C-alpha cells in the first residue's frame, strides 16, 4: 500500500472542489486548504466565499486566504504544516518560495493536453478551435506558466454536442481520478516527470475579454458555431441586434448552422414564423436556439420571437 501523503490543496472554483473531494476520499491526508480571499458580490456587495472554502469549512479543514503569496507570514504558515506535496487546481500563479516548499514538489491539474492550451481558458479554446479531443494533465510547477514536467495525462473525445459547460464537467470528473493517481505515483516513487514535447504548433488559451466574445458574421459559419459553443454558458458569445433605429445586445448560448448559397447580405436576420430565426452568413445560415436579449432572461428562440414585436428588417453586427 502506498504511504499516506500530507497534502496542502490550493484552488478556488467548483472545478477544484471535485478534485479536493476525491483526495479527501483517498488514503492521503488534506492538512490545509488555500483559496482566494472572500470577495464582495451582488447588489448588496456581501462577501462571497469561494466554492473551495465552502467545502473546506464543511469538512473542518484549516483554511488560509492570503492576499499575497510571497509574504513571510504565509510562507511560515505553510511550513508549519510540513506538507509532502502541494496540489493546485484553478488557482493563482505561485511564487518559487511556495512551490519549492514540499519535499515532493507542487503539481497542478490543467484542463488540457499540455503543451497545448497553456493559459487561463483551455476548455473554451479547445472548442473555439474545433478540436476533436481534450483531456487533463498533471504537471510539476516551475518558473513559467504551464511548462513543467508532465506527470500524467488522460484524454476524452469532444462530442459535437459539447459546449464549454458540458466539457468542463467531463474534464472535472476525469481530473478526479488523475489527481489521486498522481499522488499515489509520487507516494511510491513510481512517477517521474517527462519534459513537455512540442511536436506541433502550440495553441494557447489566454484570458478571454468581452471583445473576444463578439460574433463577426463575415467569418465562416463553422467558426461562428465553434465560438458560440466555446463561450457557452459563460462568458457567452454575443451580437448586436438592430431593429429599426434601436439596437440591443443578443447573447447566443446554442444554435446550429446550415451551409447553403443565398443572396442575402451577411448579417440579415430573418424570422420564419414565430419559432425560427436564421441569420445570414457568407456560406449559409446560422439558427440560434437559446438566446438572451439585453434586459431579459435566457430563453429559447420561440419565446424570444413571441415577445419581440418587430420581426421585420432585423440585422445583426
Protein backbone atom coordinates (compact mmCIF):
# COMPACT_ATOMS: atom_id res chain seq x y z
CA UNK A 1 0.00 0.00 0.00
CA UNK A 2 1.27 3.49 -0.83
CA UNK A 3 2.30 5.68 2.03
CA UNK A 4 -0.05 8.46 3.06
CA UNK A 5 0.94 11.91 1.86
CA UNK A 6 0.32 15.15 3.73
CA UNK A 7 -1.38 17.39 1.14
CA UNK A 8 -1.96 21.13 1.04
CA UNK A 9 -4.65 21.85 -1.54
CA UNK A 10 -4.89 25.17 -3.41
CA UNK A 11 -7.91 26.07 -5.53
CA UNK A 12 -10.95 28.30 -5.92
CA UNK A 13 -13.90 27.27 -8.18
CA UNK A 14 -16.25 24.29 -8.37
CA UNK A 15 -13.85 22.55 -10.77
CA UNK A 16 -11.32 22.40 -7.93
CA UNK A 17 -13.86 21.14 -5.37
CA UNK A 18 -14.25 17.88 -7.28
CA UNK A 19 -10.52 17.17 -7.03
CA UNK A 20 -10.37 18.14 -3.36
CA UNK A 21 -13.31 15.83 -2.64
CA UNK A 22 -11.58 12.91 -4.36
CA UNK A 23 -8.38 13.44 -2.36
CA UNK A 24 -10.46 13.50 0.82
CA UNK A 25 -11.84 10.06 -0.13
CA UNK A 26 -8.35 8.67 -0.77
CA UNK A 27 -5.75 7.43 1.71
CA UNK A 28 -3.95 10.77 1.57
CA UNK A 29 -4.49 13.48 4.18
CA UNK A 30 -5.54 17.01 3.32
CA UNK A 31 -3.90 19.05 6.08
CA UNK A 32 -4.89 22.54 4.86
CA UNK A 33 -6.66 24.38 2.05
CA UNK A 34 -5.53 27.64 0.44
CA UNK A 35 -8.05 29.69 -1.52
CA UNK A 36 -8.76 33.29 -2.56
CA UNK A 37 -9.93 35.92 -0.05
CA UNK A 38 -13.69 36.49 0.22
CA UNK A 39 -14.91 39.00 -2.37
CA UNK A 40 -17.88 41.39 -2.43
CA UNK A 41 -20.55 40.30 -4.91
CA UNK A 42 -24.13 41.05 -5.91
CA UNK A 43 -26.10 44.24 -5.43
CA UNK A 44 -25.54 44.27 -1.69
CA UNK A 45 -21.80 43.65 -2.12
CA UNK A 46 -21.94 40.94 0.54
CA UNK A 47 -18.73 38.98 0.98
CA UNK A 48 -18.78 35.78 -1.05
CA UNK A 49 -16.75 32.68 -0.22
CA UNK A 50 -15.10 30.55 -2.91
CA UNK A 51 -16.53 27.11 -3.63
CA UNK A 52 -13.36 25.54 -2.25
CA UNK A 53 -13.63 27.47 1.02
CA UNK A 54 -17.24 26.38 1.48
CA UNK A 55 -16.26 22.75 1.00
CA UNK A 56 -13.27 23.07 3.34
CA UNK A 57 -15.35 24.59 6.14
CA UNK A 58 -17.99 21.88 5.75
CA UNK A 59 -15.25 19.29 6.27
CA UNK A 60 -13.49 21.10 9.14
CA UNK A 61 -10.29 21.72 7.14
CA UNK A 62 -7.95 24.60 8.05
CA UNK A 63 -8.37 27.42 5.50
CA UNK A 64 -5.76 30.02 4.51
CA UNK A 65 -6.78 33.03 2.41
CA UNK A 66 -3.67 35.13 1.79
CA UNK A 67 -3.94 38.41 -0.09
CA UNK A 68 -0.33 37.96 -1.22
CA UNK A 69 1.51 34.68 -1.65
CA UNK A 70 5.08 35.93 -1.07
CA UNK A 71 4.73 37.26 2.47
CA UNK A 72 6.93 35.67 5.18
CA UNK A 73 3.78 35.13 7.28
CA UNK A 74 2.15 32.98 4.60
CA UNK A 75 5.33 31.01 3.86
CA UNK A 76 5.71 30.40 7.60
CA UNK A 77 2.13 29.14 7.85
CA UNK A 78 2.72 26.65 5.04
CA UNK A 79 5.99 25.49 6.58
CA UNK A 80 4.33 24.73 9.90
CA UNK A 81 2.01 22.24 8.19
CA UNK A 82 5.02 20.26 6.84
CA UNK A 83 3.36 19.16 3.58
CA UNK A 84 4.74 16.34 1.47
CA UNK A 85 3.12 17.83 -1.63
CA UNK A 86 1.01 20.80 -2.71
CA UNK A 87 -1.83 20.18 -5.20
CA UNK A 88 -3.01 23.18 -7.25
CA UNK A 89 -6.26 23.26 -9.24
CA UNK A 90 -7.54 26.51 -10.81
CA UNK A 91 -5.67 28.89 -8.51
CA UNK A 92 -3.12 31.66 -8.90
CA UNK A 93 0.46 31.65 -10.14
CA UNK A 94 2.67 30.64 -7.23
CA UNK A 95 6.00 32.21 -6.25
CA UNK A 96 9.04 29.93 -6.12
CA UNK A 97 9.11 30.15 -2.33
CA UNK A 98 5.79 28.30 -2.29
CA UNK A 99 6.08 25.64 -4.99
CA UNK A 100 9.54 24.53 -3.87
CA UNK A 101 8.48 24.12 -0.25
CA UNK A 102 7.18 20.49 -0.18
CA UNK A 103 9.60 17.54 -0.40
CA UNK A 104 7.79 16.03 -3.39
CA UNK A 105 7.13 19.35 -5.09
CA UNK A 106 3.94 21.07 -6.22
CA UNK A 107 1.78 19.80 -9.04
CA UNK A 108 -1.08 21.38 -10.96
CA UNK A 109 -4.09 19.84 -12.71
CA UNK A 110 -4.65 21.60 -16.05
CA UNK A 111 -7.74 21.12 -18.20
CA UNK A 112 -5.90 20.44 -21.46
CA UNK A 113 -3.44 18.06 -23.06
CA UNK A 114 -0.28 20.03 -22.41
CA UNK A 115 1.72 21.51 -24.05
CA UNK A 116 -1.41 22.58 -25.93
CA UNK A 117 -3.57 25.31 -24.44
CA UNK A 118 -1.28 26.74 -21.83
CA UNK A 119 -3.13 29.61 -20.20
CA UNK A 120 -6.32 30.61 -18.42
CA UNK A 121 -9.04 29.32 -20.80
CA UNK A 122 -8.11 25.85 -22.11
CA UNK A 123 -11.64 24.44 -22.17
CA UNK A 124 -13.00 27.41 -24.15
CA UNK A 125 -10.25 27.41 -26.75
CA UNK A 126 -10.36 23.66 -27.42
CA UNK A 127 -13.96 24.21 -28.57
CA UNK A 128 -13.37 27.56 -30.27
CA UNK A 129 -10.66 25.91 -32.38
CA UNK A 130 -12.88 22.94 -33.26
CA UNK A 131 -10.71 20.27 -31.61
CA UNK A 132 -11.94 16.67 -31.57
CA UNK A 133 -10.34 15.67 -28.26
CA UNK A 134 -9.37 17.20 -24.95
CA UNK A 135 -8.14 15.98 -21.60
CA UNK A 136 -6.44 16.77 -18.32
CA UNK A 137 -2.78 16.89 -17.33
CA UNK A 138 -0.95 16.85 -14.02
CA UNK A 139 2.46 18.50 -14.13
CA UNK A 140 5.09 19.83 -11.74
CA UNK A 141 5.04 23.61 -11.37
CA UNK A 142 8.15 25.57 -12.39
CA UNK A 143 9.01 29.23 -13.02
CA UNK A 144 6.91 29.60 -16.17
CA UNK A 145 3.17 29.15 -16.81
CA UNK A 146 2.08 25.55 -17.53
CA UNK A 147 5.52 24.44 -18.75
CA UNK A 148 6.67 21.99 -16.04
CA UNK A 149 7.34 18.27 -16.39
CA UNK A 150 4.24 16.18 -17.14
CA UNK A 151 3.28 13.53 -14.60
CA UNK A 152 0.06 12.01 -16.02
CA UNK A 153 -2.50 12.69 -18.76
CA UNK A 154 -5.98 11.41 -19.61
CA UNK A 155 -7.90 12.02 -22.87
CA UNK A 156 -11.56 12.17 -23.88
CA UNK A 157 -13.26 12.90 -27.23
CA UNK A 158 -15.04 16.20 -27.73
CA UNK A 159 -18.58 15.47 -28.92
CA UNK A 160 -20.36 17.64 -31.48
CA UNK A 161 -22.97 18.41 -28.82
CA UNK A 162 -20.41 19.65 -26.27
CA UNK A 163 -20.13 23.26 -25.17
CA UNK A 164 -17.83 24.79 -22.56
CA UNK A 165 -20.23 23.82 -19.78
CA UNK A 166 -20.51 20.13 -20.66
CA UNK A 167 -16.79 19.78 -21.45
CA UNK A 168 -15.96 21.48 -18.14
CA UNK A 169 -17.98 18.86 -16.27
CA UNK A 170 -16.44 15.95 -18.17
CA UNK A 171 -12.90 17.18 -17.54
CA UNK A 172 -13.70 17.92 -13.90
CA UNK A 173 -14.70 14.30 -13.36
CA UNK A 174 -11.78 12.99 -15.42
CA UNK A 175 -9.43 15.03 -13.24
CA UNK A 176 -10.69 13.40 -10.03
CA UNK A 177 -9.06 10.08 -10.83
CA UNK A 178 -5.92 11.61 -12.29
CA UNK A 179 -5.12 13.72 -9.21
CA UNK A 180 -5.28 10.71 -6.87
CA UNK A 181 -3.29 8.55 -9.32
CA UNK A 182 -0.65 11.28 -9.35
CA UNK A 183 -0.50 11.37 -5.55
CA UNK A 184 -0.20 7.57 -5.45
CA UNK A 185 2.61 7.61 -8.00
CA UNK A 186 4.54 10.28 -6.10
CA UNK A 187 3.99 8.40 -2.85
CA UNK A 188 5.52 5.12 -4.08
CA UNK A 189 8.19 6.77 -6.23
CA UNK A 190 6.90 5.24 -9.49
CA UNK A 191 6.07 8.54 -11.14
CA UNK A 192 8.75 10.69 -12.77
CA UNK A 193 8.07 13.91 -14.73
CA UNK A 194 8.53 13.98 -18.51
CA UNK A 195 9.57 17.11 -20.36
CA UNK A 196 6.78 18.66 -22.41
CA UNK A 197 7.42 17.75 -26.03
CA UNK A 198 6.39 20.35 -28.59
CA UNK A 199 5.63 18.26 -31.69
CA UNK A 200 3.24 20.62 -33.47
CA UNK A 201 2.46 24.31 -33.37
CA UNK A 202 1.37 25.25 -29.86
CA UNK A 203 -2.12 26.69 -29.43
CA UNK A 204 -2.55 28.99 -26.44
CA UNK A 205 -5.53 29.72 -24.19
CA UNK A 206 -5.26 33.32 -22.96
CA UNK A 207 -7.75 35.05 -20.71
CA UNK A 208 -10.97 35.91 -22.58
CA UNK A 209 -12.19 39.51 -22.66
CA UNK A 210 -15.54 40.95 -23.73
CA UNK A 211 -14.31 41.97 -27.18
CA UNK A 212 -13.29 38.34 -27.82
CA UNK A 213 -16.93 37.28 -27.41
CA UNK A 214 -18.45 39.33 -30.20
CA UNK A 215 -19.56 37.35 -33.24
CA UNK A 216 -18.20 38.53 -36.60
CA UNK A 217 -20.75 37.33 -39.12
CA UNK A 218 -18.41 37.57 -42.10
CA UNK A 219 -16.46 34.60 -40.71
CA UNK A 220 -17.25 31.02 -41.83
CA UNK A 221 -20.32 29.60 -40.09
CA UNK A 222 -18.34 26.70 -38.63
CA UNK A 223 -16.06 29.17 -36.88
CA UNK A 224 -19.07 31.14 -35.56
CA UNK A 225 -20.67 27.92 -34.33
CA UNK A 226 -17.49 26.90 -32.51
CA UNK A 227 -17.23 30.34 -30.91
CA UNK A 228 -20.77 30.01 -29.54
CA UNK A 229 -20.01 26.51 -28.20
CA UNK A 230 -16.71 27.59 -26.71
CA UNK A 231 -18.21 30.53 -24.83
CA UNK A 232 -21.41 28.86 -23.59
CA UNK A 233 -22.67 29.19 -20.91
CA UNK A 234 -20.01 31.72 -19.91
CA UNK A 235 -18.81 34.31 -20.86
CA UNK A 236 -21.19 33.85 -23.86
CA UNK A 237 -20.93 34.91 -27.49
CA UNK A 238 -22.94 37.98 -28.43
CA UNK A 239 -24.02 40.14 -31.32
CA UNK A 240 -25.83 43.47 -31.73
CA UNK A 241 -29.41 43.02 -32.93
CA UNK A 242 -30.75 46.00 -34.88
CA UNK A 243 -34.47 46.61 -35.28
CA UNK A 244 -35.47 49.91 -36.84
CA UNK A 245 -33.43 52.62 -35.11
CA UNK A 246 -32.76 50.63 -31.95
CA UNK A 247 -30.17 48.00 -31.11
CA UNK A 248 -29.71 45.59 -28.24
CA UNK A 249 -27.11 43.03 -27.30
CA UNK A 250 -28.21 39.48 -28.07
CA UNK A 251 -26.32 36.67 -26.36
CA UNK A 252 -26.37 33.29 -28.10
CA UNK A 253 -25.91 30.15 -26.00
CA UNK A 254 -26.77 27.46 -28.51
CA UNK A 255 -27.56 27.07 -32.19
CA UNK A 256 -26.71 25.25 -35.40
CA UNK A 257 -25.84 26.17 -38.96
CA UNK A 258 -26.57 25.07 -42.50
CA UNK A 259 -24.22 25.75 -45.36
CA UNK A 260 -26.10 26.86 -48.46
CA UNK A 261 -25.99 29.53 -51.18
CA UNK A 262 -28.14 32.62 -50.80
CA UNK A 263 -28.28 36.26 -51.95
CA UNK A 264 -28.98 37.97 -48.60
CA UNK A 265 -26.47 40.44 -47.17
CA UNK A 266 -24.36 38.97 -44.36
CA UNK A 267 -25.99 39.76 -41.01
CA UNK A 268 -29.58 39.77 -42.26
CA UNK A 269 -31.81 38.15 -39.65
CA UNK A 270 -34.98 36.52 -40.96
CA UNK A 271 -37.81 35.38 -38.68
CA UNK A 272 -39.67 32.44 -40.17
CA UNK A 273 -42.95 32.46 -38.30
CA UNK A 274 -42.68 32.55 -34.52
CA UNK A 275 -40.30 29.63 -33.99
CA UNK A 276 -37.29 30.07 -36.25
CA UNK A 277 -34.73 32.86 -36.62
CA UNK A 278 -31.99 32.47 -39.19
CA UNK A 279 -29.03 34.78 -39.64
CA UNK A 280 -27.30 35.06 -43.00
CA UNK A 281 -23.60 34.25 -43.06
CA UNK A 282 -21.35 34.27 -46.07
CA UNK A 283 -21.68 30.50 -46.56
CA UNK A 284 -25.20 29.78 -45.30
CA UNK A 285 -27.44 30.43 -42.30
CA UNK A 286 -26.96 30.27 -38.54
CA UNK A 287 -30.01 29.30 -36.46
CA UNK A 288 -29.93 30.47 -32.80
CA UNK A 289 -31.76 28.13 -30.43
CA UNK A 290 -31.16 29.58 -26.96
CA UNK A 291 -30.64 33.33 -26.54
CA UNK A 292 -30.80 36.23 -24.11
CA UNK A 293 -31.73 39.71 -25.22
CA UNK A 294 -30.41 42.63 -23.21
CA UNK A 295 -32.55 43.22 -20.13
CA UNK A 296 -34.30 39.83 -20.29
CA UNK A 297 -33.74 36.28 -19.09
CA UNK A 298 -32.26 33.46 -21.11
CA UNK A 299 -34.92 31.81 -23.31
CA UNK A 300 -35.48 29.57 -26.31
CA UNK A 301 -35.81 31.22 -29.70
CA UNK A 302 -39.60 30.67 -29.93
CA UNK A 303 -40.18 32.55 -26.67
CA UNK A 304 -37.86 35.31 -27.86
CA UNK A 305 -39.70 35.74 -31.15
CA UNK A 306 -43.10 35.69 -29.46
CA UNK A 307 -42.02 38.56 -27.23
CA UNK A 308 -40.28 40.58 -29.95
CA UNK A 309 -42.73 42.94 -31.63
CA UNK A 310 -40.61 43.86 -34.65
CA UNK A 311 -39.69 40.77 -36.63
CA UNK A 312 -39.12 42.60 -39.90
CA UNK A 313 -35.94 44.32 -41.12
CA UNK A 314 -33.72 42.71 -38.48
CA UNK A 315 -29.95 42.75 -38.82
CA UNK A 316 -27.02 41.75 -36.61
CA UNK A 317 -23.50 43.09 -36.40
